[in-house]
Amino acid sequence: MNKIKFKGFTLAEMLVATLVLSIMLVVMAPVMTKKAKERVSQKIEVVQSQEQGVPVGAIVLWYGPDIPEGWQECSGQMLDENEMSELKNAISTSDYLPDLNRFLSTADSNLKYIIKVKN
């Protein structure tokens, strides 16, 4: 059987490779970050140009003592058809909100799941 021999790298070869990679990173970093910043600003413009924003029925994890207007906690409560008619039209499969907050730790009462119920 033929044995394959592997020649390890010398310390000098490793130092040269490290030096070359470092120079490449120093040269390329400004170019790469500029392109990344341009992409992020383009994405921000797209999000800001949307008229409706977050759709009714979207569920998000929220932190804070106050819930924004048009949102409700996801604590399994019954849908009030007068107050949540937009949500009822969007998810018409249930008469109750999902009970997602039961899965969260009770150590911090400011952390909760909320659902958008109206625009």
PDB file of N, CA and C in Angstrom:
ATOM      1  N   MET A   1       0.827  -1.179   0.000  1.00  0.00           N
ATOM      2  CA  MET A   1       0.000   0.000   0.000  1.00  0.00           C
ATOM      3  C   MET A   1       0.875   1.247   0.000  1.00  0.00           C
ATOM      4  N   ASN A   2       0.405   2.228  -0.751  1.00  0.00           N
ATOM      5  CA  ASN A   2       1.119   3.504  -0.761  1.00  0.00           C
ATOM      6  C   ASN A   2       0.638   4.362   0.387  1.00  0.00           C
ATOM      7  N   LYS A   3       1.588   4.913   1.104  1.00  0.00           N
ATOM      8  CA  LYS A   3       1.235   5.821   2.196  1.00  0.00           C
ATOM      9  C   LYS A   3       1.381   7.244   1.696  1.00  0.00           C
ATOM     10  N   ILE A   4       0.404   8.047   2.011  1.00  0.00           N
ATOM     11  CA  ILE A   4       0.453   9.449   1.620  1.00  0.00           C
ATOM     12  C   ILE A   4       1.171  10.210   2.727  1.00  0.00           C
ATOM     13  N   LYS A   5       2.184  10.941   2.335  1.00  0.00           N
ATOM     14  CA  LYS A   5       2.913  11.740   3.307  1.00  0.00           C
ATOM     15  C   LYS A   5       2.427  13.176   3.228  1.00  0.00           C
ATOM     16  N   PHE A   6       2.222  13.770   4.373  1.00  0.00           N
ATOM     17  CA  PHE A   6       1.780  15.159   4.448  1.00  0.00           C
ATOM     18  C   PHE A   6       2.925  15.981   4.990  1.00  0.00           C
ATOM     19  N   LYS A   7       3.271  16.997   4.230  1.00  0.00           N
ATOM     20  CA  LYS A   7       4.327  17.891   4.672  1.00  0.00           C
ATOM     21  C   LYS A   7       3.667  19.053   5.401  1.00  0.00           C
ATOM     22  N   GLY A   8       4.001  19.232   6.637  1.00  0.00           N
ATOM     23  CA  GLY A   8       3.454  20.343   7.411  1.00  0.00           C
ATOM     24  C   GLY A   8       4.043  21.665   6.960  1.00  0.00           C
ATOM     25  N   PHE A   9       3.406  22.728   7.341  1.00  0.00           N
ATOM     26  CA  PHE A   9       3.897  24.053   6.986  1.00  0.00           C
ATOM     27  C   PHE A   9       4.976  24.487   7.973  1.00  0.00           C
ATOM     28  N   THR A  10       5.933  25.184   7.463  1.00  0.00           N
ATOM     29  CA  THR A  10       6.971  25.712   8.333  1.00  0.00           C
ATOM     30  C   THR A  10       6.464  26.988   8.980  1.00  0.00           C
ATOM     31  N   LEU A  11       7.173  27.413  10.003  1.00  0.00           N
ATOM     32  CA  LEU A  11       6.804  28.638  10.690  1.00  0.00           C
ATOM     33  C   LEU A  11       6.881  29.831   9.748  1.00  0.00           C
ATOM     34  N   ALA A  12       7.865  29.867   8.897  1.00  0.00           N
ATOM     35  CA  ALA A  12       8.027  30.967   7.947  1.00  0.00           C
ATOM     36  C   ALA A  12       6.851  31.012   6.970  1.00  0.00           C
ATOM     37  N   GLU A  13       6.397  29.856   6.484  1.00  0.00           N
ATOM     38  CA  GLU A  13       5.255  29.800   5.570  1.00  0.00           C
ATOM     39  C   GLU A  13       3.977  30.287   6.258  1.00  0.00           C
ATOM     40  N   MET A  14       3.810  29.919   7.512  1.00  0.00           N
ATOM     41  CA  MET A  14       2.629  30.357   8.258  1.00  0.00           C
ATOM     42  C   MET A  14       2.656  31.872   8.471  1.00  0.00           C
ATOM     43  N   LEU A  15       3.816  32.431   8.777  1.00  0.00           N
ATOM     44  CA  LEU A  15       3.939  33.867   8.978  1.00  0.00           C
ATOM     45  C   LEU A  15       3.661  34.641   7.694  1.00  0.00           C
ATOM     46  N   VAL A  16       4.147  34.134   6.562  1.00  0.00           N
ATOM     47  CA  VAL A  16       3.914  34.789   5.276  1.00  0.00           C
ATOM     48  C   VAL A  16       2.414  34.745   4.941  1.00  0.00           C
ATOM     49  N   ALA A  17       1.787  33.606   5.150  1.00  0.00           N
ATOM     50  CA  ALA A  17       0.357  33.478   4.868  1.00  0.00           C
ATOM     51  C   ALA A  17      -0.457  34.427   5.756  1.00  0.00           C
ATOM     52  N   THR A  18      -0.108  34.523   7.027  1.00  0.00           N
ATOM     53  CA  THR A  18      -0.792  35.424   7.950  1.00  0.00           C
ATOM     54  C   THR A  18      -0.610  36.874   7.534  1.00  0.00           C
ATOM     55  N   LEU A  19       0.604  37.221   7.109  1.00  0.00           N
ATOM     56  CA  LEU A  19       0.888  38.583   6.658  1.00  0.00           C
ATOM     57  C   LEU A  19       0.066  38.925   5.417  1.00  0.00           C
ATOM     58  N   VAL A  20       0.013  38.007   4.467  1.00  0.00           N
ATOM     59  CA  VAL A  20      -0.745  38.235   3.227  1.00  0.00           C
ATOM     60  C   VAL A  20      -2.238  38.410   3.544  1.00  0.00           C
ATOM     61  N   LEU A  21      -2.791  37.559   4.400  1.00  0.00           N
ATOM     62  CA  LEU A  21      -4.200  37.681   4.767  1.00  0.00           C
ATOM     63  C   LEU A  21      -4.479  38.993   5.491  1.00  0.00           C
ATOM     64  N   SER A  22      -3.586  39.398   6.370  1.00  0.00           N
ATOM     65  CA  SER A  22      -3.764  40.659   7.092  1.00  0.00           C
ATOM     66  C   SER A  22      -3.780  41.845   6.144  1.00  0.00           C
ATOM     67  N   ILE A  23      -2.870  41.847   5.186  1.00  0.00           N
ATOM     68  CA  ILE A  23      -2.826  42.939   4.210  1.00  0.00           C
ATOM     69  C   ILE A  23      -4.110  42.959   3.388  1.00  0.00           C
ATOM     70  N   MET A  24      -4.590  41.789   2.984  1.00  0.00           N
ATOM     71  CA  MET A  24      -5.830  41.719   2.207  1.00  0.00           C
ATOM     72  C   MET A  24      -7.004  42.280   3.006  1.00  0.00           C
ATOM     73  N   LEU A  25      -7.072  41.950   4.295  1.00  0.00           N
ATOM     74  CA  LEU A  25      -8.166  42.448   5.119  1.00  0.00           C
ATOM     75  C   LEU A  25      -8.094  43.961   5.291  1.00  0.00           C
ATOM     76  N   VAL A  26      -6.891  44.491   5.476  1.00  0.00           N
ATOM     77  CA  VAL A  26      -6.737  45.937   5.643  1.00  0.00           C
ATOM     78  C   VAL A  26      -7.157  46.666   4.370  1.00  0.00           C
ATOM     79  N   VAL A  27      -6.819  46.102   3.230  1.00  0.00           N
ATOM     80  CA  VAL A  27      -7.143  46.736   1.952  1.00  0.00           C
ATOM     81  C   VAL A  27      -8.633  46.595   1.636  1.00  0.00           C
ATOM     82  N   MET A  28      -9.225  45.429   1.914  1.00  0.00           N
ATOM     83  CA  MET A  28     -10.603  45.144   1.506  1.00  0.00           C
ATOM     84  C   MET A  28     -11.654  45.631   2.509  1.00  0.00           C
ATOM     85  N   ALA A  29     -11.307  45.785   3.772  1.00  0.00           N
ATOM     86  CA  ALA A  29     -12.300  46.138   4.795  1.00  0.00           C
ATOM     87  C   ALA A  29     -13.064  47.424   4.467  1.00  0.00           C
ATOM     88  N   PRO A  30     -12.395  48.525   4.088  1.00  0.00           N
ATOM     89  CA  PRO A  30     -13.173  49.729   3.779  1.00  0.00           C
ATOM     90  C   PRO A  30     -14.135  49.541   2.610  1.00  0.00           C
ATOM     91  N   VAL A  31     -13.724  48.789   1.615  1.00  0.00           N
ATOM     92  CA  VAL A  31     -14.581  48.545   0.452  1.00  0.00           C
ATOM     93  C   VAL A  31     -15.789  47.710   0.860  1.00  0.00           C
ATOM     94  N   MET A  32     -15.544  46.670   1.650  1.00  0.00           N
ATOM     95  CA  MET A  32     -16.635  45.783   2.062  1.00  0.00           C
ATOM     96  C   MET A  32     -17.611  46.503   2.982  1.00  0.00           C
ATOM     97  N   THR A  33     -17.128  47.313   3.924  1.00  0.00           N
ATOM     98  CA  THR A  33     -18.046  48.008   4.819  1.00  0.00           C
ATOM     99  C   THR A  33     -18.846  49.073   4.087  1.00  0.00           C
ATOM    100  N   LYS A  34     -18.246  49.709   3.078  1.00  0.00           N
ATOM    101  CA  LYS A  34     -18.981  50.715   2.303  1.00  0.00           C
ATOM    102  C   LYS A  34     -20.147  50.060   1.564  1.00  0.00           C
ATOM    103  N   LYS A  35     -19.880  48.896   0.952  1.00  0.00           N
ATOM    104  CA  LYS A  35     -20.953  48.187   0.243  1.00  0.00           C
ATOM    105  C   LYS A  35     -22.037  47.740   1.216  1.00  0.00           C
ATOM    106  N   ALA A  36     -21.636  47.266   2.390  1.00  0.00           N
ATOM    107  CA  ALA A  36     -22.616  46.816   3.379  1.00  0.00           C
ATOM    108  C   ALA A  36     -23.484  47.975   3.845  1.00  0.00           C
ATOM    109  N   LYS A  37     -22.887  49.141   4.077  1.00  0.00           N
ATOM    110  CA  LYS A  37     -23.654  50.312   4.504  1.00  0.00           C
ATOM    111  C   LYS A  37     -24.651  50.738   3.434  1.00  0.00           C
ATOM    112  N   GLU A  38     -24.241  50.655   2.160  1.00  0.00           N
ATOM    113  CA  GLU A  38     -25.151  51.012   1.070  1.00  0.00           C
ATOM    114  C   GLU A  38     -26.349  50.063   1.038  1.00  0.00           C
ATOM    115  N   ARG A  39     -26.091  48.760   1.237  1.00  0.00           N
ATOM    116  CA  ARG A  39     -27.184  47.778   1.222  1.00  0.00           C
ATOM    117  C   ARG A  39     -28.150  48.034   2.376  1.00  0.00           C
ATOM    118  N   VAL A  40     -27.615  48.322   3.567  1.00  0.00           N
ATOM    119  CA  VAL A  40     -28.468  48.571   4.725  1.00  0.00           C
ATOM    120  C   VAL A  40     -29.330  49.805   4.489  1.00  0.00           C
ATOM    121  N   SER A  41     -28.745  50.885   3.958  1.00  0.00           N
ATOM    122  CA  SER A  41     -29.539  52.090   3.736  1.00  0.00           C
ATOM    123  C   SER A  41     -30.622  51.848   2.686  1.00  0.00           C
ATOM    124  N   GLN A  42     -30.346  51.000   1.687  1.00  0.00           N
ATOM    125  CA  GLN A  42     -31.367  50.679   0.693  1.00  0.00           C
ATOM    126  C   GLN A  42     -32.521  49.922   1.344  1.00  0.00           C
ATOM    127  N   LYS A  43     -32.204  48.986   2.240  1.00  0.00           N
ATOM    128  CA  LYS A  43     -33.248  48.222   2.918  1.00  0.00           C
ATOM    129  C   LYS A  43     -34.084  49.122   3.811  1.00  0.00           C
ATOM    130  N   ILE A  44     -33.453  50.059   4.496  1.00  0.00           N
ATOM    131  CA  ILE A  44     -34.185  50.981   5.362  1.00  0.00           C
ATOM    132  C   ILE A  44     -35.160  51.811   4.550  1.00  0.00           C
ATOM    133  N   GLU A  45     -34.742  52.268   3.388  1.00  0.00           N
ATOM    134  CA  GLU A  45     -35.617  53.058   2.535  1.00  0.00           C
ATOM    135  C   GLU A  45     -36.832  52.252   2.104  1.00  0.00           C
ATOM    136  N   VAL A  46     -36.645  50.965   1.803  1.00  0.00           N
ATOM    137  CA  VAL A  46     -37.758  50.118   1.388  1.00  0.00           C
ATOM    138  C   VAL A  46     -38.756  49.970   2.523  1.00  0.00           C
ATOM    139  N   VAL A  47     -38.287  49.721   3.739  1.00  0.00           N
ATOM    140  CA  VAL A  47     -39.173  49.548   4.881  1.00  0.00           C
ATOM    141  C   VAL A  47     -39.918  50.835   5.177  1.00  0.00           C
ATOM    142  N   GLN A  48     -39.241  51.978   5.112  1.00  0.00           N
ATOM    143  CA  GLN A  48     -39.886  53.242   5.410  1.00  0.00           C
ATOM    144  C   GLN A  48     -40.905  53.635   4.346  1.00  0.00           C
ATOM    145  N   SER A  49     -40.758  53.122   3.141  1.00  0.00           N
ATOM    146  CA  SER A  49     -41.685  53.502   2.086  1.00  0.00           C
ATOM    147  C   SER A  49     -42.981  52.691   2.113  1.00  0.00           C
ATOM    148  N   GLN A  50     -43.033  51.639   2.916  1.00  0.00           N
ATOM    149  CA  GLN A  50     -44.261  50.856   2.990  1.00  0.00           C
ATOM    150  C   GLN A  50     -45.326  51.663   3.729  1.00  0.00           C
ATOM    151  N   GLU A  51     -46.528  51.676   3.180  1.00  0.00           N
ATOM    152  CA  GLU A  51     -47.588  52.480   3.772  1.00  0.00           C
ATOM    153  C   GLU A  51     -48.230  51.795   4.973  1.00  0.00           C
ATOM    154  N   GLN A  52     -48.461  50.494   4.897  1.00  0.00           N
ATOM    155  CA  GLN A  52     -49.186  49.823   5.960  1.00  0.00           C
ATOM    156  C   GLN A  52     -48.293  49.391   7.118  1.00  0.00           C
ATOM    157  N   GLY A  53     -47.032  49.129   6.872  1.00  0.00           N
ATOM    158  CA  GLY A  53     -46.153  48.677   7.945  1.00  0.00           C
ATOM    159  C   GLY A  53     -46.456  47.241   8.325  1.00  0.00           C
ATOM    160  N   VAL A  54     -46.605  46.987   9.620  1.00  0.00           N
ATOM    161  CA  VAL A  54     -46.832  45.639  10.130  1.00  0.00           C
ATOM    162  C   VAL A  54     -48.285  45.241   9.887  1.00  0.00           C
ATOM    163  N   PRO A  55     -48.526  44.067   9.304  1.00  0.00           N
ATOM    164  CA  PRO A  55     -49.908  43.667   9.010  1.00  0.00           C
ATOM    165  C   PRO A  55     -50.672  43.226  10.263  1.00  0.00           C
ATOM    166  N   VAL A  56     -51.976  43.348  10.215  1.00  0.00           N
ATOM    167  CA  VAL A  56     -52.828  42.858  11.294  1.00  0.00           C
ATOM    168  C   VAL A  56     -52.627  41.350  11.409  1.00  0.00           C
ATOM    169  N   GLY A  57     -52.466  40.874  12.631  1.00  0.00           N
ATOM    170  CA  GLY A  57     -52.232  39.449  12.877  1.00  0.00           C
ATOM    171  C   GLY A  57     -50.779  39.122  13.135  1.00  0.00           C
ATOM    172  N   ALA A  58     -49.867  40.079  12.927  1.00  0.00           N
ATOM    173  CA  ALA A  58     -48.447  39.845  13.187  1.00  0.00           C
ATOM    174  C   ALA A  58     -48.216  39.736  14.690  1.00  0.00           C
ATOM    175  N   ILE A  59     -47.390  38.780  15.084  1.00  0.00           N
ATOM    176  CA  ILE A  59     -47.066  38.573  16.490  1.00  0.00           C
ATOM    177  C   ILE A  59     -45.592  38.909  16.682  1.00  0.00           C
ATOM    178  N   VAL A  60     -45.302  39.721  17.703  1.00  0.00           N
ATOM    179  CA  VAL A  60     -43.919  40.092  18.000  1.00  0.00           C
ATOM    180  C   VAL A  60     -43.663  39.937  19.492  1.00  0.00           C
ATOM    181  N   LEU A  61     -42.388  39.778  19.838  1.00  0.00           N
ATOM    182  CA  LEU A  61     -41.982  39.757  21.230  1.00  0.00           C
ATOM    183  C   LEU A  61     -41.714  41.197  21.631  1.00  0.00           C
ATOM    184  N   TRP A  62     -42.393  41.677  22.664  1.00  0.00           N
ATOM    185  CA  TRP A  62     -42.350  43.082  23.054  1.00  0.00           C
ATOM    186  C   TRP A  62     -41.759  43.205  24.449  1.00  0.00           C
ATOM    187  N   TYR A  63     -40.982  44.277  24.654  1.00  0.00           N
ATOM    188  CA  TYR A  63     -40.470  44.559  25.986  1.00  0.00           C
ATOM    189  C   TYR A  63     -40.877  45.972  26.382  1.00  0.00           C
ATOM    190  N   GLY A  64     -41.584  46.093  27.462  1.00  0.00           N
ATOM    191  CA  GLY A  64     -41.983  47.396  27.956  1.00  0.00           C
ATOM    192  C   GLY A  64     -43.250  47.290  28.771  1.00  0.00           C
ATOM    193  N   PRO A  65     -43.473  48.263  29.639  1.00  0.00           N
ATOM    194  CA  PRO A  65     -44.671  48.210  30.480  1.00  0.00           C
ATOM    195  C   PRO A  65     -45.953  48.522  29.717  1.00  0.00           C
ATOM    196  N   ASP A  66     -45.862  49.325  28.657  1.00  0.00           N
ATOM    197  CA  ASP A  66     -47.049  49.728  27.899  1.00  0.00           C
ATOM    198  C   ASP A  66     -47.058  49.063  26.531  1.00  0.00           C
ATOM    199  N   ILE A  67     -48.225  48.631  26.106  1.00  0.00           N
ATOM    200  CA  ILE A  67     -48.396  48.017  24.786  1.00  0.00           C
ATOM    201  C   ILE A  67     -48.818  49.123  23.824  1.00  0.00           C
ATOM    202  N   PRO A  68     -48.261  49.149  22.608  1.00  0.00           N
ATOM    203  CA  PRO A  68     -48.640  50.198  21.651  1.00  0.00           C
ATOM    204  C   PRO A  68     -50.119  50.127  21.269  1.00  0.00           C
ATOM    205  N   GLU A  69     -50.635  51.250  20.809  1.00  0.00           N
ATOM    206  CA  GLU A  69     -52.032  51.307  20.372  1.00  0.00           C
ATOM    207  C   GLU A  69     -52.230  50.396  19.163  1.00  0.00           C
ATOM    208  N   GLY A  70     -53.324  49.658  19.146  1.00  0.00           N
ATOM    209  CA  GLY A  70     -53.628  48.742  18.048  1.00  0.00           C
ATOM    210  C   GLY A  70     -53.063  47.347  18.265  1.00  0.00           C
ATOM    211  N   TRP A  71     -52.496  47.082  19.435  1.00  0.00           N
ATOM    212  CA  TRP A  71     -51.904  45.783  19.767  1.00  0.00           C
ATOM    213  C   TRP A  71     -52.550  45.242  21.042  1.00  0.00           C
ATOM    214  N   GLN A  72     -52.518  43.915  21.210  1.00  0.00           N
ATOM    215  CA  GLN A  72     -53.015  43.250  22.413  1.00  0.00           C
ATOM    216  C   GLN A  72     -52.022  42.177  22.838  1.00  0.00           C
ATOM    217  N   GLU A  73     -52.014  41.860  24.137  1.00  0.00           N
ATOM    218  CA  GLU A  73     -51.181  40.762  24.627  1.00  0.00           C
ATOM    219  C   GLU A  73     -51.720  39.438  24.097  1.00  0.00           C
ATOM    220  N   CYS A  74     -50.818  38.497  23.858  1.00  0.00           N
ATOM    221  CA  CYS A  74     -51.211  37.144  23.437  1.00  0.00           C
ATOM    222  C   CYS A  74     -51.359  36.278  24.687  1.00  0.00           C
ATOM    223  N   SER A  75     -52.483  36.433  25.369  1.00  0.00           N
ATOM    224  CA  SER A  75     -52.694  35.720  26.625  1.00  0.00           C
ATOM    225  C   SER A  75     -53.931  34.828  26.590  1.00  0.00           C
ATOM    226  N   GLY A  76     -54.387  34.471  25.416  1.00  0.00           N
ATOM    227  CA  GLY A  76     -55.492  33.537  25.282  1.00  0.00           C
ATOM    228  C   GLY A  76     -56.870  34.120  25.505  1.00  0.00           C
ATOM    229  N   GLN A  77     -56.991  35.441  25.543  1.00  0.00           N
ATOM    230  CA  GLN A  77     -58.290  36.054  25.793  1.00  0.00           C
ATOM    231  C   GLN A  77     -59.200  35.936  24.566  1.00  0.00           C
ATOM    232  N   MET A  78     -60.492  36.034  24.804  1.00  0.00           N
ATOM    233  CA  MET A  78     -61.483  35.940  23.736  1.00  0.00           C
ATOM    234  C   MET A  78     -61.449  37.211  22.886  1.00  0.00           C
ATOM    235  N   LEU A  79     -61.645  37.043  21.589  1.00  0.00           N
ATOM    236  CA  LEU A  79     -61.668  38.189  20.682  1.00  0.00           C
ATOM    237  C   LEU A  79     -62.954  38.983  20.872  1.00  0.00           C
ATOM    238  N   ASP A  80     -62.804  40.263  21.102  1.00  0.00           N
ATOM    239  CA  ASP A  80     -63.953  41.169  21.174  1.00  0.00           C
ATOM    240  C   ASP A  80     -64.207  41.644  19.746  1.00  0.00           C
ATOM    241  N   GLU A  81     -65.328  41.234  19.152  1.00  0.00           N
ATOM    242  CA  GLU A  81     -65.576  41.519  17.739  1.00  0.00           C
ATOM    243  C   GLU A  81     -65.661  43.005  17.439  1.00  0.00           C
ATOM    244  N   ASN A  82     -66.112  43.815  18.375  1.00  0.00           N
ATOM    245  CA  ASN A  82     -66.170  45.260  18.147  1.00  0.00           C
ATOM    246  C   ASN A  82     -64.775  45.878  18.155  1.00  0.00           C
ATOM    247  N   GLU A  83     -63.951  45.469  19.106  1.00  0.00           N
ATOM    248  CA  GLU A  83     -62.630  46.056  19.276  1.00  0.00           C
ATOM    249  C   GLU A  83     -61.599  45.457  18.324  1.00  0.00           C
ATOM    250  N   MET A  84     -61.768  44.192  17.950  1.00  0.00           N
ATOM    251  CA  MET A  84     -60.761  43.498  17.151  1.00  0.00           C
ATOM    252  C   MET A  84     -61.330  42.951  15.842  1.00  0.00           C
ATOM    253  N   SER A  85     -62.199  43.697  15.186  1.00  0.00           N
ATOM    254  CA  SER A  85     -62.844  43.199  13.969  1.00  0.00           C
ATOM    255  C   SER A  85     -61.836  42.976  12.838  1.00  0.00           C
ATOM    256  N   GLU A  86     -60.816  43.839  12.728  1.00  0.00           N
ATOM    257  CA  GLU A  86     -59.804  43.657  11.679  1.00  0.00           C
ATOM    258  C   GLU A  86     -59.048  42.348  11.880  1.00  0.00           C
ATOM    259  N   LEU A  87     -58.709  42.049  13.136  1.00  0.00           N
ATOM    260  CA  LEU A  87     -58.003  40.797  13.426  1.00  0.00           C
ATOM    261  C   LEU A  87     -58.915  39.610  13.172  1.00  0.00           C
ATOM    262  N   LYS A  88     -60.160  39.711  13.568  1.00  0.00           N
ATOM    263  CA  LYS A  88     -61.116  38.621  13.364  1.00  0.00           C
ATOM    264  C   LYS A  88     -61.251  38.308  11.870  1.00  0.00           C
ATOM    265  N   ASN A  89     -61.248  39.347  11.032  1.00  0.00           N
ATOM    266  CA  ASN A  89     -61.309  39.127   9.581  1.00  0.00           C
ATOM    267  C   ASN A  89     -60.024  38.488   9.061  1.00  0.00           C
ATOM    268  N   ALA A  90     -58.893  38.804   9.691  1.00  0.00           N
ATOM    269  CA  ALA A  90     -57.610  38.291   9.225  1.00  0.00           C
ATOM    270  C   ALA A  90     -57.385  36.830   9.620  1.00  0.00           C
ATOM    271  N   ILE A  91     -57.837  36.435  10.826  1.00  0.00           N
ATOM    272  CA  ILE A  91     -57.538  35.079  11.309  1.00  0.00           C
ATOM    273  C   ILE A  91     -58.784  34.243  11.536  1.00  0.00           C
ATOM    274  N   SER A  92     -59.866  34.548  10.994  1.00  0.00           N
ATOM    275  CA  SER A  92     -61.204  33.992  11.235  1.00  0.00           C
ATOM    276  C   SER A  92     -61.290  32.529  11.666  1.00  0.00           C
ATOM    277  N   THR A  93     -60.196  31.875  12.030  1.00  0.00           N
ATOM    278  CA  THR A  93     -60.258  30.464  12.411  1.00  0.00           C
ATOM    279  C   THR A  93     -60.487  30.261  13.903  1.00  0.00           C
ATOM    280  N   SER A  94     -60.352  31.302  14.696  1.00  0.00           N
ATOM    281  CA  SER A  94     -60.474  31.142  16.142  1.00  0.00           C
ATOM    282  C   SER A  94     -61.171  32.348  16.763  1.00  0.00           C
ATOM    283  N   ASP A  95     -61.819  32.112  17.907  1.00  0.00           N
ATOM    284  CA  ASP A  95     -62.440  33.198  18.648  1.00  0.00           C
ATOM    285  C   ASP A  95     -61.552  33.677  19.783  1.00  0.00           C
ATOM    286  N   TYR A  96     -60.345  33.110  19.906  1.00  0.00           N
ATOM    287  CA  TYR A  96     -59.433  33.450  20.987  1.00  0.00           C
ATOM    288  C   TYR A  96     -58.062  33.846  20.434  1.00  0.00           C
ATOM    289  N   LEU A  97     -57.397  34.733  21.146  1.00  0.00           N
ATOM    290  CA  LEU A  97     -56.005  35.058  20.812  1.00  0.00           C
ATOM    291  C   LEU A  97     -55.122  33.912  21.267  1.00  0.00           C
ATOM    292  N   PRO A  98     -53.973  33.707  20.634  1.00  0.00           N
ATOM    293  CA  PRO A  98     -53.082  32.641  21.103  1.00  0.00           C
ATOM    294  C   PRO A  98     -52.545  32.963  22.499  1.00  0.00           C
ATOM    295  N   ASP A  99     -52.268  31.933  23.278  1.00  0.00           N
ATOM    296  CA  ASP A  99     -51.743  32.122  24.633  1.00  0.00           C
ATOM    297  C   ASP A  99     -50.242  31.836  24.629  1.00  0.00           C
ATOM    298  N   LEU A 100     -49.466  32.769  24.080  1.00  0.00           N
ATOM    299  CA  LEU A 100     -48.020  32.579  23.968  1.00  0.00           C
ATOM    300  C   LEU A 100     -47.268  33.045  25.209  1.00  0.00           C
ATOM    301  N   ASN A 101     -47.847  33.942  25.974  1.00  0.00           N
ATOM    302  CA  ASN A 101     -47.145  34.485  27.136  1.00  0.00           C
ATOM    303  C   ASN A 101     -46.950  33.456  28.249  1.00  0.00           C
ATOM    304  N   ARG A 102     -47.689  32.367  28.212  1.00  0.00           N
ATOM    305  CA  ARG A 102     -47.511  31.332  29.231  1.00  0.00           C
ATOM    306  C   ARG A 102     -46.155  30.648  29.095  1.00  0.00           C
ATOM    307  N   PHE A 103     -45.507  30.784  27.927  1.00  0.00           N
ATOM    308  CA  PHE A 103     -44.212  30.156  27.711  1.00  0.00           C
ATOM    309  C   PHE A 103     -43.044  31.013  28.204  1.00  0.00           C
ATOM    310  N   LEU A 104     -43.323  32.254  28.572  1.00  0.00           N
ATOM    311  CA  LEU A 104     -42.264  33.162  29.002  1.00  0.00           C
ATOM    312  C   LEU A 104     -42.042  33.055  30.503  1.00  0.00           C
ATOM    313  N   SER A 105     -40.823  33.359  30.913  1.00  0.00           N
ATOM    314  CA  SER A 105     -40.490  33.388  32.332  1.00  0.00           C
ATOM    315  C   SER A 105     -41.261  34.515  33.010  1.00  0.00           C
ATOM    316  N   THR A 106     -41.741  34.276  34.198  1.00  0.00           N
ATOM    317  CA  THR A 106     -42.496  35.299  34.918  1.00  0.00           C
ATOM    318  C   THR A 106     -41.583  36.240  35.704  1.00  0.00           C
ATOM    319  N   ALA A 107     -40.271  36.089  35.558  1.00  0.00           N
ATOM    320  CA  ALA A 107     -39.332  36.933  36.295  1.00  0.00           C
ATOM    321  C   ALA A 107     -39.411  38.392  35.849  1.00  0.00           C
ATOM    322  N   ASP A 108     -39.732  38.632  34.596  1.00  0.00           N
ATOM    323  CA  ASP A 108     -39.801  40.002  34.082  1.00  0.00           C
ATOM    324  C   ASP A 108     -41.144  40.195  33.397  1.00  0.00           C
ATOM    325  N   SER A 109     -42.026  40.939  34.036  1.00  0.00           N
ATOM    326  CA  SER A 109     -43.377  41.117  33.491  1.00  0.00           C
ATOM    327  C   SER A 109     -43.413  42.076  32.307  1.00  0.00           C
ATOM    328  N   ASN A 110     -42.295  42.733  31.991  1.00  0.00           N
ATOM    329  CA  ASN A 110     -42.252  43.637  30.839  1.00  0.00           C
ATOM    330  C   ASN A 110     -42.063  42.901  29.522  1.00  0.00           C
ATOM    331  N   LEU A 111     -41.673  41.631  29.555  1.00  0.00           N
ATOM    332  CA  LEU A 111     -41.454  40.839  28.354  1.00  0.00           C
ATOM    333  C   LEU A 111     -42.726  40.074  28.026  1.00  0.00           C
ATOM    334  N   LYS A 112     -43.255  40.282  26.810  1.00  0.00           N
ATOM    335  CA  LYS A 112     -44.527  39.628  26.446  1.00  0.00           C
ATOM    336  C   LYS A 112     -44.675  39.558  24.931  1.00  0.00           C
ATOM    337  N   TYR A 113     -45.447  38.592  24.496  1.00  0.00           N
ATOM    338  CA  TYR A 113     -45.832  38.507  23.083  1.00  0.00           C
ATOM    339  C   TYR A 113     -47.062  39.379  22.890  1.00  0.00           C
ATOM    340  N   ILE A 114     -47.062  40.144  21.785  1.00  0.00           N
ATOM    341  CA  ILE A 114     -48.232  40.946  21.458  1.00  0.00           C
ATOM    342  C   ILE A 114     -48.615  40.687  20.006  1.00  0.00           C
ATOM    343  N   ILE A 115     -49.886  40.934  19.685  1.00  0.00           N
ATOM    344  CA  ILE A 115     -50.406  40.715  18.334  1.00  0.00           C
ATOM    345  C   ILE A 115     -51.061  42.007  17.854  1.00  0.00           C
ATOM    346  N   LYS A 116     -50.860  42.324  16.591  1.00  0.00           N
ATOM    347  CA  LYS A 116     -51.481  43.522  16.026  1.00  0.00           C
ATOM    348  C   LYS A 116     -52.933  43.212  15.719  1.00  0.00           C
ATOM    349  N   VAL A 117     -53.833  44.007  16.302  1.00  0.00           N
ATOM    350  CA  VAL A 117     -55.261  43.746  16.132  1.00  0.00           C
ATOM    351  C   VAL A 117     -55.960  44.738  15.221  1.00  0.00           C
ATOM    352  N   LYS A 118     -55.326  45.903  14.988  1.00  0.00           N
ATOM    353  CA  LYS A 118     -55.932  46.862  14.063  1.00  0.00           C
ATOM    354  C   LYS A 118     -54.867  47.845  13.585  1.00  0.00           C
ATOM    355  N   ASN A 119     -55.108  48.414  12.394  1.00  0.00           N
ATOM    356  CA  ASN A 119     -54.173  49.396  11.836  1.00  0.00           C
ATOM    357  C   ASN A 119     -54.339  50.748  12.494  1.00  0.00           C
TER     358      ASN A 119
END
